[in-house]
């Protein structure tokens, strides 16, 4: 995906979804390269919410502050909620996201 981002921008596409970390795409890194030319929908690793709450916190604290500070970002997972995600972890992801966004 990374090799075609410039072509997308030149064609007038200015928002990307999904931005999947499993495919090697890091929204913070892509944001640094393309600054205000590209908006993002998603980019939070969907696999993390199936794992530990500590992993959820790490993922959110790494990505949310720089992305929200630069604007052009819709908070969302990089894809649909994966099978096997506990309701407890999903609720924790939502709660922690709001805590970070409101701080």
N, C-alpha and C. Protein backbone atom coordinates (compact mmCIF):
# COMPACT_ATOMS: atom_id res chain seq x y z
N UNK A 1 0.82 -1.19 0.00
CA UNK A 1 0.00 0.00 0.00
C UNK A 1 0.86 1.26 0.00
N UNK A 2 1.92 1.24 0.79
CA UNK A 2 2.76 2.43 0.92
C UNK A 2 3.26 2.96 -0.43
N UNK A 3 3.67 2.10 -1.38
CA UNK A 3 4.18 2.60 -2.65
C UNK A 3 3.14 3.36 -3.49
N UNK A 4 1.86 3.15 -3.25
CA UNK A 4 0.85 3.81 -4.08
C UNK A 4 0.20 5.02 -3.41
N UNK A 5 0.60 5.35 -2.20
CA UNK A 5 -0.03 6.48 -1.50
C UNK A 5 0.16 7.77 -2.28
N UNK A 6 1.36 8.03 -2.78
CA UNK A 6 1.59 9.26 -3.55
C UNK A 6 0.70 9.30 -4.80
N UNK A 7 0.53 8.17 -5.46
CA UNK A 7 -0.34 8.12 -6.64
C UNK A 7 -1.78 8.42 -6.26
N UNK A 8 -2.23 7.88 -5.14
CA UNK A 8 -3.58 8.18 -4.66
C UNK A 8 -3.76 9.67 -4.40
N UNK A 9 -2.78 10.26 -3.71
CA UNK A 9 -2.87 11.69 -3.41
C UNK A 9 -2.90 12.51 -4.69
N UNK A 10 -2.07 12.16 -5.65
CA UNK A 10 -2.04 12.89 -6.93
C UNK A 10 -3.34 12.73 -7.70
N UNK A 11 -4.06 11.63 -7.46
CA UNK A 11 -5.35 11.40 -8.13
C UNK A 11 -6.51 12.06 -7.39
N UNK A 12 -6.22 12.68 -6.23
CA UNK A 12 -7.26 13.37 -5.49
C UNK A 12 -7.83 12.60 -4.32
N UNK A 13 -7.35 11.40 -4.08
CA UNK A 13 -7.81 10.63 -2.92
C UNK A 13 -7.08 11.18 -1.71
N UNK A 14 -7.83 11.55 -0.68
CA UNK A 14 -7.17 12.19 0.47
C UNK A 14 -7.54 11.56 1.81
N UNK A 15 -8.14 10.37 1.78
CA UNK A 15 -8.44 9.65 3.02
C UNK A 15 -8.25 8.16 2.77
N UNK A 16 -7.66 7.49 3.75
CA UNK A 16 -7.38 6.07 3.57
C UNK A 16 -8.00 5.23 4.67
N UNK A 17 -8.56 4.10 4.26
CA UNK A 17 -9.06 3.08 5.17
C UNK A 17 -9.08 1.78 4.38
N UNK A 18 -8.61 0.70 4.89
CA UNK A 18 -7.97 0.55 6.19
C UNK A 18 -6.50 0.90 6.12
N UNK A 19 -5.94 1.17 7.26
CA UNK A 19 -4.50 1.35 7.44
C UNK A 19 -4.08 0.25 8.41
N UNK A 20 -3.76 -0.91 7.88
CA UNK A 20 -3.55 -2.09 8.71
C UNK A 20 -2.10 -2.25 9.17
N UNK A 21 -1.87 -2.18 10.48
CA UNK A 21 -0.52 -2.43 11.00
C UNK A 21 0.00 -3.82 10.62
N UNK A 22 -0.88 -4.81 10.52
CA UNK A 22 -0.46 -6.16 10.14
C UNK A 22 0.13 -6.19 8.73
N UNK A 23 -0.20 -5.20 7.91
CA UNK A 23 0.34 -5.11 6.55
C UNK A 23 1.55 -4.17 6.51
N UNK A 24 2.03 -3.77 7.68
CA UNK A 24 3.21 -2.92 7.74
C UNK A 24 2.91 -1.43 7.66
N UNK A 25 1.66 -1.04 7.80
CA UNK A 25 1.31 0.37 7.73
C UNK A 25 1.16 0.94 9.14
N UNK A 26 1.92 1.97 9.41
CA UNK A 26 1.87 2.66 10.70
C UNK A 26 1.31 4.05 10.44
N UNK A 27 0.13 4.35 10.98
CA UNK A 27 -0.51 5.63 10.69
C UNK A 27 0.33 6.81 11.16
N UNK A 28 1.05 6.67 12.24
CA UNK A 28 1.88 7.78 12.73
C UNK A 28 3.02 8.05 11.74
N UNK A 29 3.65 6.99 11.26
CA UNK A 29 4.73 7.13 10.28
C UNK A 29 4.22 7.73 8.96
N UNK A 30 3.09 7.21 8.48
CA UNK A 30 2.53 7.73 7.22
C UNK A 30 2.10 9.18 7.40
N UNK A 31 1.55 9.52 8.56
CA UNK A 31 1.16 10.91 8.86
C UNK A 31 2.38 11.83 8.79
N UNK A 32 3.50 11.41 9.37
CA UNK A 32 4.71 12.23 9.35
C UNK A 32 5.17 12.50 7.93
N UNK A 33 5.06 11.50 7.07
CA UNK A 33 5.51 11.66 5.69
C UNK A 33 4.55 12.52 4.87
N UNK A 34 3.27 12.36 5.07
CA UNK A 34 2.30 13.03 4.20
C UNK A 34 1.58 14.20 4.88
N UNK A 35 1.96 14.50 6.08
CA UNK A 35 1.49 15.67 6.82
C UNK A 35 -0.01 15.88 6.66
N UNK A 36 -0.40 17.05 6.19
CA UNK A 36 -1.82 17.39 6.13
C UNK A 36 -2.48 17.00 4.80
N UNK A 37 -1.80 16.26 3.96
CA UNK A 37 -2.38 15.88 2.66
C UNK A 37 -3.28 14.66 2.74
N UNK A 38 -3.21 13.93 3.86
CA UNK A 38 -3.90 12.65 3.93
C UNK A 38 -4.62 12.49 5.26
N UNK A 39 -5.88 12.15 5.20
CA UNK A 39 -6.67 11.86 6.41
C UNK A 39 -6.75 10.34 6.59
N UNK A 40 -7.08 9.94 7.79
CA UNK A 40 -7.12 8.51 8.11
C UNK A 40 -8.42 8.13 8.80
N UNK A 41 -8.91 6.97 8.45
CA UNK A 41 -10.04 6.36 9.13
C UNK A 41 -9.51 5.03 9.65
N UNK A 42 -9.37 4.93 10.95
CA UNK A 42 -8.85 3.70 11.52
C UNK A 42 -7.35 3.75 11.71
N UNK A 43 -6.77 2.57 11.85
CA UNK A 43 -5.33 2.46 12.05
C UNK A 43 -4.95 1.89 13.40
N UNK A 44 -5.95 1.69 14.27
CA UNK A 44 -5.69 1.04 15.55
C UNK A 44 -5.72 -0.47 15.30
N UNK A 45 -4.66 -1.15 15.67
CA UNK A 45 -4.51 -2.58 15.37
C UNK A 45 -5.64 -3.41 15.99
N UNK A 46 -6.44 -4.01 15.13
CA UNK A 46 -7.59 -4.80 15.58
C UNK A 46 -7.19 -6.02 16.39
N UNK A 47 -6.00 -6.54 16.16
CA UNK A 47 -5.56 -7.74 16.88
C UNK A 47 -5.25 -7.44 18.34
N UNK A 48 -4.86 -6.21 18.63
CA UNK A 48 -4.50 -5.83 19.99
C UNK A 48 -5.68 -5.97 20.94
N UNK A 49 -6.90 -5.68 20.47
CA UNK A 49 -8.03 -5.72 21.40
C UNK A 49 -8.44 -7.14 21.78
N UNK A 50 -7.91 -8.12 21.09
CA UNK A 50 -8.15 -9.52 21.49
C UNK A 50 -7.17 -9.96 22.56
N UNK A 51 -6.14 -9.19 22.77
CA UNK A 51 -5.07 -9.59 23.68
C UNK A 51 -5.28 -8.97 25.06
N UNK A 52 -4.29 -8.29 25.57
CA UNK A 52 -4.36 -7.78 26.94
C UNK A 52 -4.77 -6.32 26.99
N UNK A 53 -5.28 -5.91 28.14
CA UNK A 53 -5.62 -4.50 28.32
C UNK A 53 -4.36 -3.64 28.31
N UNK A 54 -3.24 -4.18 28.78
CA UNK A 54 -1.97 -3.45 28.72
C UNK A 54 -1.57 -3.19 27.27
N UNK A 55 -1.80 -4.16 26.41
CA UNK A 55 -1.52 -3.99 24.98
C UNK A 55 -2.42 -2.95 24.34
N UNK A 56 -3.66 -2.90 24.77
CA UNK A 56 -4.61 -1.90 24.27
C UNK A 56 -4.11 -0.51 24.65
N UNK A 57 -3.73 -0.34 25.91
CA UNK A 57 -3.22 0.95 26.38
C UNK A 57 -1.99 1.37 25.58
N UNK A 58 -1.07 0.44 25.39
CA UNK A 58 0.16 0.74 24.64
C UNK A 58 -0.16 1.21 23.22
N UNK A 59 -1.03 0.49 22.54
CA UNK A 59 -1.41 0.84 21.16
C UNK A 59 -2.07 2.21 21.10
N UNK A 60 -3.00 2.46 22.00
CA UNK A 60 -3.71 3.74 21.98
C UNK A 60 -2.81 4.91 22.35
N UNK A 61 -1.96 4.73 23.36
CA UNK A 61 -1.08 5.82 23.77
C UNK A 61 -0.02 6.13 22.73
N UNK A 62 0.35 5.14 21.95
CA UNK A 62 1.33 5.34 20.87
C UNK A 62 0.72 6.11 19.70
N UNK A 63 -0.54 5.83 19.39
CA UNK A 63 -1.12 6.36 18.15
C UNK A 63 -2.07 7.54 18.34
N UNK A 64 -2.90 7.52 19.36
CA UNK A 64 -3.92 8.56 19.46
C UNK A 64 -3.37 9.97 19.66
N UNK A 65 -2.47 10.21 20.61
CA UNK A 65 -2.02 11.59 20.81
C UNK A 65 -1.43 12.25 19.55
N UNK A 66 -0.49 11.60 18.85
CA UNK A 66 0.05 12.28 17.66
C UNK A 66 -0.96 12.43 16.53
N UNK A 67 -1.85 11.45 16.39
CA UNK A 67 -2.82 11.54 15.30
C UNK A 67 -3.88 12.59 15.57
N UNK A 68 -4.36 12.67 16.78
CA UNK A 68 -5.39 13.66 17.10
C UNK A 68 -4.80 15.07 17.12
N UNK A 69 -3.55 15.20 17.53
CA UNK A 69 -2.91 16.52 17.53
C UNK A 69 -2.76 17.06 16.12
N UNK A 70 -2.55 16.18 15.16
CA UNK A 70 -2.35 16.63 13.78
C UNK A 70 -3.66 16.73 13.01
N UNK A 71 -4.75 16.19 13.57
CA UNK A 71 -6.05 16.26 12.91
C UNK A 71 -6.16 15.29 11.75
N UNK A 72 -7.33 15.27 11.14
CA UNK A 72 -7.53 14.42 9.97
C UNK A 72 -7.55 12.94 10.29
N UNK A 73 -8.12 12.59 11.44
CA UNK A 73 -8.13 11.19 11.85
C UNK A 73 -9.46 10.84 12.50
N UNK A 74 -10.05 9.75 12.06
CA UNK A 74 -11.25 9.23 12.67
C UNK A 74 -10.84 8.02 13.50
N UNK A 75 -11.11 8.07 14.80
CA UNK A 75 -10.75 6.97 15.68
C UNK A 75 -11.52 5.71 15.29
N UNK A 76 -10.79 4.66 14.96
CA UNK A 76 -11.42 3.38 14.62
C UNK A 76 -10.34 2.31 14.53
N UNK A 77 -10.78 1.08 14.64
CA UNK A 77 -9.87 -0.04 14.40
C UNK A 77 -9.48 -0.05 12.93
N UNK A 78 -8.43 -0.79 12.61
CA UNK A 78 -7.97 -0.85 11.22
C UNK A 78 -8.89 -1.70 10.34
N UNK A 79 -9.83 -2.36 10.93
CA UNK A 79 -10.77 -3.20 10.19
C UNK A 79 -11.90 -3.53 11.15
N UNK A 80 -12.70 -4.51 10.85
CA UNK A 80 -13.81 -4.87 11.74
C UNK A 80 -13.28 -5.48 13.03
N UNK A 81 -14.14 -5.58 14.02
CA UNK A 81 -13.78 -6.20 15.30
C UNK A 81 -13.55 -7.68 15.04
N UNK A 82 -12.39 -8.21 15.39
CA UNK A 82 -12.11 -9.61 15.07
C UNK A 82 -12.87 -10.59 15.95
N UNK A 83 -13.17 -11.75 15.37
CA UNK A 83 -13.78 -12.83 16.15
C UNK A 83 -12.88 -13.14 17.34
N UNK A 84 -13.49 -13.49 18.45
CA UNK A 84 -12.72 -13.83 19.63
C UNK A 84 -12.41 -12.66 20.53
N UNK A 85 -12.86 -11.47 20.15
CA UNK A 85 -12.64 -10.29 20.99
C UNK A 85 -13.65 -10.32 22.12
N UNK A 86 -13.16 -10.23 23.34
CA UNK A 86 -14.09 -10.24 24.48
C UNK A 86 -14.80 -8.89 24.58
N UNK A 87 -16.03 -8.94 25.05
CA UNK A 87 -16.79 -7.71 25.26
C UNK A 87 -16.05 -6.82 26.27
N UNK A 88 -15.46 -7.44 27.27
CA UNK A 88 -14.71 -6.69 28.28
C UNK A 88 -13.56 -5.90 27.65
N UNK A 89 -12.79 -6.54 26.77
CA UNK A 89 -11.69 -5.83 26.12
C UNK A 89 -12.20 -4.76 25.17
N UNK A 90 -13.28 -5.02 24.45
CA UNK A 90 -13.81 -4.02 23.54
C UNK A 90 -14.29 -2.79 24.31
N UNK A 91 -14.99 -3.02 25.40
CA UNK A 91 -15.43 -1.89 26.23
C UNK A 91 -14.24 -1.14 26.80
N UNK A 92 -13.21 -1.87 27.21
CA UNK A 92 -12.00 -1.23 27.73
C UNK A 92 -11.36 -0.37 26.66
N UNK A 93 -11.27 -0.88 25.43
CA UNK A 93 -10.72 -0.12 24.29
C UNK A 93 -11.49 1.19 24.11
N UNK A 94 -12.80 1.14 24.14
CA UNK A 94 -13.61 2.35 23.98
C UNK A 94 -13.39 3.32 25.13
N UNK A 95 -13.43 2.79 26.35
CA UNK A 95 -13.26 3.64 27.53
C UNK A 95 -11.88 4.30 27.53
N UNK A 96 -10.84 3.53 27.27
CA UNK A 96 -9.48 4.07 27.28
C UNK A 96 -9.28 5.07 26.15
N UNK A 97 -9.89 4.82 25.01
CA UNK A 97 -9.81 5.77 23.89
C UNK A 97 -10.36 7.12 24.32
N UNK A 98 -11.53 7.12 24.93
CA UNK A 98 -12.14 8.39 25.37
C UNK A 98 -11.29 9.08 26.43
N UNK A 99 -10.72 8.30 27.35
CA UNK A 99 -9.86 8.89 28.37
C UNK A 99 -8.68 9.62 27.74
N UNK A 100 -8.06 8.99 26.77
CA UNK A 100 -6.91 9.61 26.10
C UNK A 100 -7.35 10.83 25.30
N UNK A 101 -8.46 10.73 24.61
CA UNK A 101 -8.94 11.85 23.79
C UNK A 101 -9.33 13.05 24.64
N UNK A 102 -9.85 12.80 25.83
CA UNK A 102 -10.31 13.89 26.68
C UNK A 102 -9.20 14.48 27.54
N UNK A 103 -8.03 13.86 27.55
CA UNK A 103 -6.94 14.37 28.40
C UNK A 103 -6.14 15.46 27.71
